Structures are given as structure tokens and as C-alpha cells.
Protein backbone atom coordinates (compact mmCIF):
# COMPACT_ATOMS: atom_id res chain seq x y z
CA MET A 1 -10.10 -8.54 -25.67
CA ASN A 2 -11.51 -11.85 -26.36
CA PHE A 3 -9.66 -14.17 -23.80
CA GLN A 4 -9.08 -17.82 -24.27
CA ASN A 5 -8.46 -20.42 -21.54
CA THR A 6 -5.59 -21.88 -23.30
CA ARG A 7 -1.79 -22.17 -22.65
CA ALA A 8 -0.99 -20.98 -26.22
CA PHE A 9 -3.08 -17.75 -25.62
CA ALA A 10 -1.48 -17.07 -22.42
CA GLN A 11 1.88 -17.53 -23.81
CA LEU A 12 0.83 -15.04 -26.75
CA LEU A 13 0.08 -12.35 -23.91
CA ASP A 14 3.34 -13.11 -22.26
CA ALA A 15 5.15 -12.67 -25.65
CA GLN A 16 3.49 -9.35 -25.95
CA ASP A 17 4.37 -8.24 -22.48
CA GLU A 18 6.42 -5.05 -22.24
CA LEU A 19 7.43 -5.89 -18.75
CA LYS A 20 8.23 -9.47 -19.02
CA LYS A 21 11.95 -9.02 -18.47
CA TYR A 22 11.48 -7.81 -15.02
CA GLN A 23 10.34 -11.25 -13.81
CA SER A 24 13.86 -12.38 -13.92
CA GLU A 25 14.80 -9.49 -11.39
CA PHE A 26 13.09 -11.12 -8.56
CA GLU A 27 13.79 -14.08 -6.24
CA PHE A 28 10.84 -16.80 -6.13
CA PRO A 29 10.42 -19.21 -3.43
CA GLN A 30 10.22 -22.71 -4.59
CA VAL A 31 7.81 -25.63 -3.78
CA ASN A 32 8.60 -29.12 -4.84
CA GLY A 33 11.54 -27.71 -6.82
CA LYS A 34 9.58 -25.59 -8.75
CA LYS A 35 8.95 -21.76 -8.91
CA THR A 36 5.68 -20.76 -7.29
CA ILE A 37 2.78 -18.83 -8.52
CA TYR A 38 2.85 -16.00 -6.28
CA PHE A 39 -0.28 -14.22 -5.42
CA THR A 40 0.61 -12.40 -2.13
CA GLY A 41 2.56 -9.44 -3.21
CA ASN A 42 -0.39 -7.53 -1.59
CA SER A 43 0.99 -8.96 1.75
CA LEU A 44 4.64 -9.13 1.08
CA GLY A 45 6.32 -8.58 -2.24
CA LEU A 46 8.95 -10.68 -3.72
CA MET A 47 12.58 -9.66 -3.34
CA PRO A 48 14.24 -7.78 -6.09
CA LYS A 49 17.75 -9.11 -6.77
CA ARG A 50 19.22 -5.79 -6.94
CA ALA A 51 17.93 -5.21 -3.27
CA LYS A 52 20.72 -7.46 -2.00
CA LYS A 53 23.41 -5.29 -3.78
CA TYR A 54 22.05 -2.17 -2.12
CA VAL A 55 22.06 -3.73 1.18
CA ASP A 56 25.62 -5.15 0.54
CA ASP A 57 26.74 -1.77 -0.35
CA VAL A 58 25.56 -0.44 2.86
CA MET A 59 27.43 -3.34 4.83
CA ASN A 60 30.48 -2.88 3.04
CA ASP A 61 30.62 0.81 3.51
CA TRP A 62 30.06 0.20 7.23
CA ALA A 63 32.97 -2.36 7.20
CA ASN A 64 35.33 0.00 5.36
CA LEU A 65 34.43 3.40 6.65
CA ALA A 66 32.70 3.08 9.78
CA VAL A 67 31.36 6.42 11.08
CA GLU A 68 32.75 8.15 7.91
CA GLY A 69 29.96 6.42 5.99
CA HIS A 70 27.70 8.97 6.96
CA PHE A 71 29.38 11.59 4.66
CA TYR A 72 31.63 9.43 2.53
CA ALA A 73 29.74 6.53 1.41
CA GLU A 74 28.82 6.19 -2.25
CA LYS A 75 25.33 7.13 -1.02
CA PRO A 76 26.08 9.01 2.28
CA TRP A 77 23.85 7.86 5.08
CA TRP A 78 23.06 11.30 6.53
CA ASP A 79 20.77 12.14 3.65
CA TYR A 80 19.96 8.67 2.22
CA HIS A 81 16.34 9.33 2.75
CA GLU A 82 16.37 12.39 0.50
CA ARG A 83 17.01 9.86 -2.48
CA PHE A 84 13.14 8.99 -2.23
CA SER A 85 11.70 12.14 -2.91
CA ASN A 86 11.72 12.17 -6.68
CA PRO A 87 10.83 8.55 -7.37
CA LEU A 88 8.10 8.40 -4.79
CA SER A 89 6.66 11.74 -5.87
CA LYS A 90 5.88 10.22 -9.38
CA ILE A 91 4.27 6.99 -7.53
CA VAL A 92 2.00 8.76 -5.36
CA GLY A 93 1.13 11.91 -7.40
CA ALA A 94 3.03 14.36 -5.23
CA LYS A 95 5.64 17.11 -5.52
CA PRO A 96 9.15 15.88 -4.43
CA SER A 97 8.98 18.16 -1.42
CA GLU A 98 5.81 16.56 -0.21
CA VAL A 99 7.18 13.03 0.39
CA SER A 100 9.82 11.12 2.32
CA VAL A 101 10.40 7.86 4.30
CA MET A 102 10.60 7.12 7.99
CA ASN A 103 9.52 4.64 10.58
CA THR A 104 6.89 2.01 9.63
CA LEU A 105 3.24 2.60 8.64
CA THR A 106 1.31 2.73 12.06
CA VAL A 107 4.12 4.84 13.55
CA ASN A 108 3.78 7.36 10.82
CA LEU A 109 0.03 7.18 11.09
CA HIS A 110 0.31 8.17 14.68
CA MET A 111 2.82 10.85 13.87
CA MET A 112 0.42 12.29 11.30
CA MET A 113 -2.43 12.32 13.90
CA VAL A 114 -0.25 14.43 16.13
CA SER A 115 -0.40 17.03 13.44
CA PHE A 116 -3.75 16.54 11.96
CA TYR A 117 -6.09 15.22 14.76
CA ASN A 118 -6.47 18.14 17.26
CA PRO A 119 -10.06 17.66 18.93
CA THR A 120 -12.00 20.46 20.45
CA SER A 121 -14.99 20.24 22.68
CA THR A 122 -17.19 20.58 19.49
CA ARG A 123 -15.19 19.12 16.66
CA PHE A 124 -13.59 15.71 17.88
CA LYS A 125 -15.03 12.80 15.78
CA ILE A 126 -13.08 10.54 13.31
CA ILE A 127 -14.67 8.78 10.30
CA CYS A 128 -13.27 5.47 9.34
CA GLU A 129 -14.26 2.53 7.52
CA GLU A 130 -16.05 -0.57 9.04
CA LYS A 131 -13.56 -3.35 9.57
CA ALA A 132 -10.64 -1.02 8.94
CA PHE A 133 -7.21 -2.88 9.04
CA PRO A 134 -6.84 -4.01 12.76
CA SER A 135 -3.60 -1.80 13.18
CA ASP A 136 -5.54 1.45 12.22
CA GLN A 137 -8.56 0.42 14.51
CA TYR A 138 -5.92 0.15 17.48
CA MET A 139 -4.36 3.45 16.29
CA PHE A 140 -7.60 5.24 16.38
CA GLN A 141 -8.62 3.79 19.83
CA THR A 142 -5.26 4.79 21.57
CA GLN A 143 -5.20 8.15 19.93
CA VAL A 144 -8.58 9.02 21.05
CA LYS A 145 -7.67 7.82 24.59
CA PHE A 146 -4.59 9.70 24.61
CA HIS A 147 -6.66 12.92 24.19
CA GLY A 148 -8.89 11.89 27.05
CA LEU A 149 -11.80 11.03 24.82
CA ASP A 150 -13.95 7.88 24.60
CA PRO A 151 -13.53 6.01 21.27
CA LYS A 152 -17.24 5.10 21.45
CA ASP A 153 -18.02 8.68 21.33
CA VAL A 154 -15.44 9.59 18.74
CA ILE A 155 -14.98 6.85 16.16
CA VAL A 156 -17.77 6.86 13.57
CA GLU A 157 -17.55 3.75 11.18
CA VAL A 158 -19.11 3.73 7.68
CA LYS A 159 -20.76 0.44 7.27
CA ARG A 160 -21.56 -1.65 4.30
CA ARG A 161 -25.27 -1.91 3.08
CA GLU A 162 -27.07 -5.08 4.23
CA GLY A 163 -26.08 -7.99 1.70
CA GLU A 164 -23.25 -5.94 0.14
CA HIS A 165 -19.40 -6.80 0.24
CA ASN A 166 -18.32 -3.24 -0.75
CA LEU A 167 -18.63 0.39 0.74
CA ARG A 168 -20.42 2.74 -1.27
CA ASN A 169 -18.74 5.99 -1.92
CA GLU A 170 -22.04 8.06 -1.80
CA ASP A 171 -22.54 6.49 1.81
CA ILE A 172 -19.12 7.71 3.06
CA ILE A 173 -19.89 11.24 1.73
CA ALA A 174 -23.34 11.15 3.31
CA LYS A 175 -21.80 10.02 6.67
CA ILE A 176 -19.33 13.09 6.42
CA ASN A 177 -22.13 15.32 5.73
CA GLU A 178 -24.17 13.91 8.52
CA VAL A 179 -21.36 14.27 11.22
CA GLY A 180 -20.66 17.64 9.71
CA ASP A 181 -19.26 20.34 12.21
CA GLU A 182 -18.22 17.62 14.78
CA LEU A 183 -15.86 16.01 12.21
CA ALA A 184 -12.27 16.58 13.02
CA LEU A 185 -10.57 13.82 10.69
CA VAL A 186 -11.51 11.43 7.98
CA LEU A 187 -8.88 8.68 7.83
CA ILE A 188 -9.78 5.62 5.54
CA GLY A 189 -7.68 2.94 3.74
CA GLY A 190 -7.51 3.89 0.11
CA ILE A 191 -7.83 0.21 -0.92
CA ASN A 192 -9.73 -2.17 1.22
CA TYR A 193 -7.44 -4.86 2.31
CA TYR A 194 -10.14 -7.56 2.33
CA THR A 195 -12.15 -6.94 -0.90
CA GLY A 196 -9.46 -4.87 -2.81
CA GLN A 197 -12.14 -2.15 -3.57
CA VAL A 198 -10.59 1.18 -4.44
CA LEU A 199 -12.50 4.34 -2.98
CA ASP A 200 -12.97 7.52 -4.61
CA MET A 201 -10.18 9.40 -2.70
CA GLU A 202 -10.71 12.48 -4.52
CA ASN A 203 -14.49 13.22 -3.58
CA ILE A 204 -14.17 11.80 -0.20
CA THR A 205 -11.40 14.39 0.29
CA LYS A 206 -13.59 17.18 -1.08
CA ALA A 207 -16.33 16.15 0.99
CA GLY A 208 -14.32 16.16 4.21
CA HIS A 209 -12.80 19.51 3.49
CA ALA A 210 -16.19 20.90 2.73
CA VAL A 211 -17.26 20.28 6.34
CA GLY A 212 -14.07 21.63 7.91
CA ALA A 213 -12.36 18.37 8.55
CA LYS A 214 -8.80 17.04 7.63
CA VAL A 215 -8.47 14.08 5.40
CA GLY A 216 -5.76 11.43 5.42
CA TRP A 217 -5.36 8.09 3.69
CA ASP A 218 -3.77 4.70 4.56
CA LEU A 219 -2.29 3.69 1.23
CA ALA A 220 -0.91 0.35 2.40
CA HIS A 221 -2.43 -1.56 -0.56
CA ALA A 222 -2.62 1.42 -2.93
CA ALA A 223 0.98 2.75 -3.26
CA GLY A 224 2.79 1.13 -6.18
CA ASN A 225 -0.59 -0.47 -7.22
CA ILE A 226 -3.06 2.15 -8.47
CA GLU A 227 -2.68 5.79 -9.86
CA LEU A 228 -2.62 8.30 -7.09
CA LYS A 229 -2.86 12.19 -7.40
CA LEU A 230 -2.40 13.01 -3.64
CA HIS A 231 -1.32 16.69 -4.52
CA ASP A 232 -3.98 17.46 -6.87
CA TRP A 233 -6.65 15.76 -4.73
CA ASN A 234 -5.59 18.28 -1.90
CA VAL A 235 -5.20 15.38 0.48
CA ASP A 236 -3.80 16.60 3.99
CA PHE A 237 -1.55 13.58 4.60
CA ALA A 238 -1.13 10.09 3.70
CA CYS A 239 1.10 6.94 4.74
CA TRP A 240 1.94 3.78 3.32
CA CYS A 241 4.10 0.75 3.70
CA SER A 242 6.68 -0.31 1.43
CA TYR A 243 6.80 -4.12 1.68
CA LYS A 244 3.73 -5.13 -0.40
CA TYR A 245 3.39 -3.80 -3.94
CA MET A 246 6.57 -2.02 -3.58
CA ASN A 247 8.81 -5.01 -2.53
CA ALA A 248 11.05 -3.42 0.07
CA GLY A 249 11.30 -6.24 2.35
CA PRO A 250 9.52 -7.38 5.40
CA GLY A 251 8.85 -4.46 7.70
CA SER A 252 10.72 -1.99 5.66
CA VAL A 253 10.62 1.72 6.22
CA SER A 254 7.39 3.49 5.40
CA GLY A 255 6.58 6.27 3.19
CA TYR A 256 4.50 9.31 3.91
CA PHE A 257 2.99 12.57 2.22
CA VAL A 258 2.36 15.88 3.62
CA HIS A 259 0.63 18.37 1.41
CA GLU A 260 2.63 21.50 0.67
CA LYS A 261 -0.05 23.74 2.19
CA HIS A 262 0.82 22.63 5.61
CA HIS A 263 4.53 23.07 5.34
CA ASN A 264 4.91 26.66 6.47
CA ASN A 265 2.56 26.40 9.35
CA LYS A 266 4.80 26.95 12.24
CA ASP A 267 1.86 26.28 14.50
CA ILE A 268 1.29 22.87 13.56
CA ASN A 269 1.91 19.87 16.17
CA ARG A 270 4.93 17.75 15.52
CA PHE A 271 6.91 15.16 17.33
CA GLY A 272 10.23 16.52 16.50
CA GLY A 273 13.61 15.03 16.56
CA TRP A 274 17.01 15.61 15.38
CA TYR A 275 16.56 14.49 11.72
CA GLY A 276 13.46 16.76 11.30
CA HIS A 277 15.63 19.76 12.51
CA ASN A 278 17.13 22.14 9.93
CA LYS A 279 19.54 19.95 7.85
CA GLU A 280 22.08 22.82 7.23
CA ARG A 281 22.21 23.48 11.08
CA ARG A 282 21.89 19.99 12.35
CA PHE A 283 25.42 19.34 13.54
CA LEU A 284 25.38 22.69 15.48
CA MET A 285 23.56 20.86 18.19
CA GLU A 286 21.16 23.85 18.80
CA PRO A 287 18.75 23.71 21.69
CA GLU A 288 15.75 24.92 19.73
CA TYR A 289 13.83 22.92 17.27
CA THR A 290 13.56 24.50 13.72
CA PRO A 291 11.96 21.95 11.26
CA ASN A 292 13.40 21.14 7.90
CA GLU A 293 11.37 22.63 4.92
CA GLY A 294 8.74 20.27 3.36
CA ALA A 295 7.76 16.70 4.25
CA LEU A 296 11.23 16.56 5.86
CA GLY A 297 10.33 18.67 8.62
CA TRP A 298 8.23 15.64 9.89
CA GLN A 299 11.42 13.44 10.34
CA SER A 300 12.25 12.45 13.77
CA SER A 301 15.09 9.98 14.50
CA CYS A 302 17.84 8.70 12.08
CA THR A 303 16.24 6.57 9.56
CA GLY A 304 17.67 3.07 9.40
CA VAL A 305 19.91 3.15 6.48
CA LEU A 306 19.60 -0.79 6.04
CA ALA A 307 15.92 -0.72 6.06
CA MET A 308 15.78 1.99 3.36
CA ALA A 309 18.36 0.09 1.07
CA PRO A 310 16.03 -2.38 -0.50
CA TYR A 311 13.31 0.20 -0.74
CA LEU A 312 15.51 2.44 -2.67
CA ALA A 313 16.35 -0.62 -4.99
CA SER A 314 12.70 -1.04 -5.58
CA VAL A 315 11.69 2.65 -6.22
CA GLU A 316 14.40 3.18 -8.83
CA MET A 317 12.86 0.16 -10.66
CA PHE A 318 9.56 1.75 -10.42
CA ASP A 319 11.26 4.96 -11.76
CA GLU A 320 12.67 3.09 -14.82
CA ILE A 321 9.21 1.37 -15.70
CA GLY A 322 6.54 4.16 -14.68
CA MET A 323 3.38 3.63 -13.30
CA GLU A 324 1.35 3.93 -16.67
CA ALA A 325 3.19 0.81 -17.82
CA LEU A 326 2.69 -0.87 -14.62
CA MET A 327 -1.16 -0.18 -14.57
CA LYS A 328 -1.65 -1.14 -18.25
CA LYS A 329 -0.42 -4.69 -17.47
CA ARG A 330 -2.25 -4.74 -14.16
CA ASP A 331 -5.35 -3.96 -15.88
CA LEU A 332 -5.05 -6.71 -18.49
CA ILE A 333 -3.53 -9.44 -16.26
CA THR A 334 -6.19 -8.86 -13.52
CA ALA A 335 -8.80 -8.97 -16.16
CA TYR A 336 -7.33 -12.33 -17.47
CA LEU A 337 -7.34 -13.88 -13.90
CA GLU A 338 -11.06 -12.85 -13.62
CA PHE A 339 -11.68 -14.71 -16.69
CA ILE A 340 -9.81 -17.89 -15.63
CA VAL A 341 -11.52 -17.97 -12.32
CA GLU A 342 -14.99 -17.57 -14.02
CA GLU A 343 -14.26 -20.29 -16.60
CA THR A 344 -13.10 -22.70 -13.79
CA ALA A 345 -16.25 -21.89 -12.02
CA LYS A 346 -18.34 -22.77 -15.02
CA GLU A 347 -16.41 -26.08 -15.88
CA THR A 348 -16.57 -27.29 -12.27
CA GLY A 349 -20.12 -25.98 -11.51
CA THR A 350 -18.72 -24.17 -8.44
CA ASN A 351 -19.78 -20.84 -7.14
CA LEU A 352 -16.71 -18.89 -7.03
CA GLU A 353 -17.88 -15.24 -6.05
CA ILE A 354 -15.29 -12.57 -6.98
CA ILE A 355 -16.22 -9.66 -4.38
CA THR A 356 -13.74 -7.27 -5.78
CA PRO A 357 -15.65 -4.58 -7.86
CA LYS A 358 -15.57 -5.53 -11.45
CA ASN A 359 -15.06 -1.81 -12.59
CA GLN A 360 -11.36 -1.54 -13.15
CA ALA A 361 -11.41 1.93 -11.81
CA GLU A 362 -12.48 0.41 -8.49
CA ARG A 363 -9.81 -2.09 -8.03
CA GLY A 364 -6.08 -2.68 -8.52
CA SER A 365 -3.89 -5.84 -8.62
CA GLN A 366 -6.38 -7.90 -6.52
CA LEU A 367 -9.25 -10.25 -6.61
CA SER A 368 -11.00 -11.51 -3.59
CA ILE A 369 -12.94 -14.60 -4.10
CA ILE A 370 -15.57 -16.43 -1.80
CA LEU A 371 -15.09 -20.32 -2.22
CA HIS A 372 -18.74 -21.10 -1.80
CA GLY A 373 -18.93 -24.72 -0.81
CA GLU A 374 -15.50 -25.18 -0.47
CA GLY A 375 -13.43 -25.52 2.90
CA LYS A 376 -9.94 -24.49 3.79
CA GLU A 377 -8.85 -27.85 2.15
CA LEU A 378 -8.82 -26.12 -1.06
CA PHE A 379 -6.55 -23.48 0.18
CA HIS A 380 -4.16 -26.01 1.58
CA TYR A 381 -4.13 -27.80 -1.63
CA LEU A 382 -3.27 -24.72 -3.75
CA MET A 383 -0.36 -24.02 -1.25
CA LYS A 384 0.94 -27.67 -1.71
CA GLN A 385 0.99 -27.15 -5.49
CA GLY A 386 2.98 -24.08 -5.30
CA VAL A 387 0.22 -21.48 -5.56
CA VAL A 388 1.11 -19.00 -2.62
CA THR A 389 -2.33 -17.32 -1.89
CA ASP A 390 -3.89 -15.83 1.13
CA TRP A 391 -6.90 -17.10 3.18
CA ARG A 392 -9.26 -14.94 5.03
CA GLU A 393 -12.20 -16.21 7.13
CA PRO A 394 -14.81 -17.50 6.53
CA ALA A 395 -13.92 -18.76 3.13
CA VAL A 396 -12.13 -16.05 1.10
CA ILE A 397 -8.80 -16.15 -0.85
CA ARG A 398 -7.10 -13.02 -2.12
CA LEU A 399 -5.23 -13.31 -5.37
CA ALA A 400 -2.80 -10.28 -6.31
CA PRO A 401 -1.23 -10.87 -9.79
CA VAL A 402 1.61 -8.27 -9.52
CA PRO A 403 2.55 -6.78 -13.04
CA LEU A 404 6.15 -6.80 -12.13
CA TYR A 405 6.69 -10.44 -11.58
CA THR A 406 3.49 -12.36 -12.50
CA THR A 407 3.00 -13.85 -15.97
CA PHE A 408 -0.07 -14.68 -18.00
CA GLU A 409 0.83 -18.30 -18.35
CA GLU A 410 0.84 -18.63 -14.40
CA MET A 411 -2.85 -17.57 -14.57
CA TYR A 412 -3.55 -20.21 -16.81
CA ASP A 413 -1.80 -22.86 -14.76
CA PHE A 414 -3.56 -21.31 -11.64
CA GLY A 415 -6.77 -22.14 -13.28
CA GLN A 416 -5.73 -25.75 -13.99
CA ILE A 417 -4.52 -26.17 -10.55
CA LEU A 418 -7.72 -24.67 -9.06
CA LYS A 419 -10.03 -26.91 -11.19
CA THR A 420 -8.09 -30.06 -9.97
CA GLY A 421 -8.24 -28.88 -6.42
CA ILE A 422 -12.17 -28.40 -6.65
CA GLN A 423 -12.55 -31.77 -8.06
CA THR A 424 -10.41 -33.50 -5.69
CA THR A 425 -10.51 -32.06 -2.22
């Protein structure tokens, strides 16, 4: 498409947008009495208006039914989490029996490592990416120490090549082959949080399995953002938070995937709990743990219904729309934002370096931009003008145009604000 840096052209794209009605389904913060241009859905998504009703429903059931809400609420609490299986399976490319929700992201990654990281004297190493999200790094370090090992001997980081911003998939696969028989686990972020790069999860998974390792993915920035085929890719496990692209609210309950090939393995390690026990016999209070079938067999404690309620509202919205429609708009609006940034750079004579891959297959709803020659003053200017973005040292802003609630006209407006900011700060 031949883009134009004009308001009329942006408005034309909005008029053709099949998802435009959904912007009115979200609450926007305001700055100076005006709705913000919200670019941080890759950190915390906006609140769906329907989420408030879902939370209110739980509160009303609690008030009116008390303990009986477990069985007699409109959406009974005791199996509330089971409502996620069908819609989540479509979002991450899984069978309904392979997905559910519980805990939060890092807790779930720890739970999955109980099952899928079982080091031996000869096979004990973990491959991750250089500068993984800090929570993942801390998880690796503490898990390794729990097993009585030294992180320096175990954790192998795949590094970027000199002078490059993004990882190369071939370098990850080469490192997997190099570690070979010593490799126990590959666990990497499917999308790099800093650059927005999407990795080749299918072929990396194949490479890990080829040397006898288990392969898992942290999909914090991928779930609800890009096409995933976890079952077909034969991924062992994956976890994701729900409060970024899936708009479930701050710290809301996390999703997880366990491939069906592991479901009937009675010898696999798990940290069991009441809600993972056979659902049909749960209230018999039996002393011996018998896991539920499927991914539900990895449950532990009662899952917080209030935390699940806004997530359920969101996944039902995703189910209405479908990932295909979301990705179609994602590709177009991200490309238009890229065009606007490049035009602004030309008009101002500024080096605005986009470090997110240009190939649409290697990115989702995020552009990370180095503001060469510009200080943090520009970021503060954008925020004061109602452009909610994200700053990462040394001089990177991350922009995430979320297809559910971002408009093309907002991309045009951002370009005008950015141009003024460069000229005046």
C-alpha cells in the first residue's frame, strides 16, 4: 500500500477498519482532558469496559450467595478456570485440553520447570537468550541453585552478533547443537521484550528436541499478539501473562500450555495441590494425589476468581474477533506507524533507528526506536502531550499499536507530536 502522511489518509484507513467499533469497548486514560494515544499495551493493556461487569458479577454472587457461589453462581467458581480452555486454545494454537490459567507468569514458569527441568550429571544445561527479561533470569538462577548447581556452569546465553540489535535464529540453533548432549532445557522469550523481535519458535523447538532437550517458551509478549501453533510445533510447555495484549488487568492470572504428549506421563514431576486433583473426586478429600487429565493436572491452589474475571471478559472478546482479523490490522497499522516514523525522521533530519525487524513475520505489534541524538526530554514531552509510551535505556522508546483499540489517525497525530517534540526539546 502507498501510505500518505496526511490526516485524510489516516481517516480513510480508519473508515475501512473492520475492528474500529472495538475502540469504544475500552477505557482510556486522559491527559489535559483528552484521550491519550496509548502505546504501552505491550506492558499493560487498557481496561475492557466489559471487564468491570465480569468482576461485578463475582462480587454480587459473593454478596448474595457467599459460599454457595462455588456451585450456584451464574459462572460457578469451582470450575471458573475451565471456561478459558476453548478460547485460549484458539489464541495460542493448542487443543483445549492443553491450556488453562493459574498463578502468575513467573510462578507458572517455575511450576513448569519442576516438570521439565530434571538435570542429571551429564544433561543439565539451560539455553536462554542474552538479556532475557530479568524475571526469567532470576528464575533460571534460583531453579539451578535449587538443584545444587552453579548457574555459571548451567546457564548458556545466546548472544547477539557484534553491532547487531537482534538475535539470529541460526545462532540459537547452532548453540543448541553445540551444547548437544549436555542440554536439558531450551527456554526463551518468543518475542524479545526490548526489540520486539519474533523468534522462529517452530525450528528452534525442532532443534532442541533433536538433541534430546525439552523446549519451553515465555510468551509474555506473544500471546494475543502473533500467530502461535504450540501444538503443531510440538512445544513441551509455554506460559504467558494476561495483562499485556490480552488486557486482563495488572498482575492478573497467567495462562499456560502443556503438550498432550505429556498428559499421561504419571512419572512426571509436579507440585500438586487440591485443584489439580481429580475433579470428580476432589470433595472426597482423599489422601493420595491423582492429577486431573490434561493441562488441568498441573493446577495447584484454588485460582482467584476475581483475578480471572477480567481475563475471561477479554478472551471472550478475542473469541468474537479471531486472531486472523487482529493480525491483519496489526500488520497494517504497524506498517503505517513505521512509515510515519520514517517520514518524521526525514522531515526533521533526525536519526530514528527502528531496531525491530522490518520483516513482518519477525515482529508483532511493537516498534522499538533508538532516538539518536535525542535525550529523555523527548520522551517526557511525548508523555506530557498525551502519548503514553515506554522508555528503555539508553535511548529507546517502545511503541505498541494494539489493533483492538489503536486508530490510524492516532498514528498520524503521533507523527505530528513527535515532529514538534524533536524541533522544540
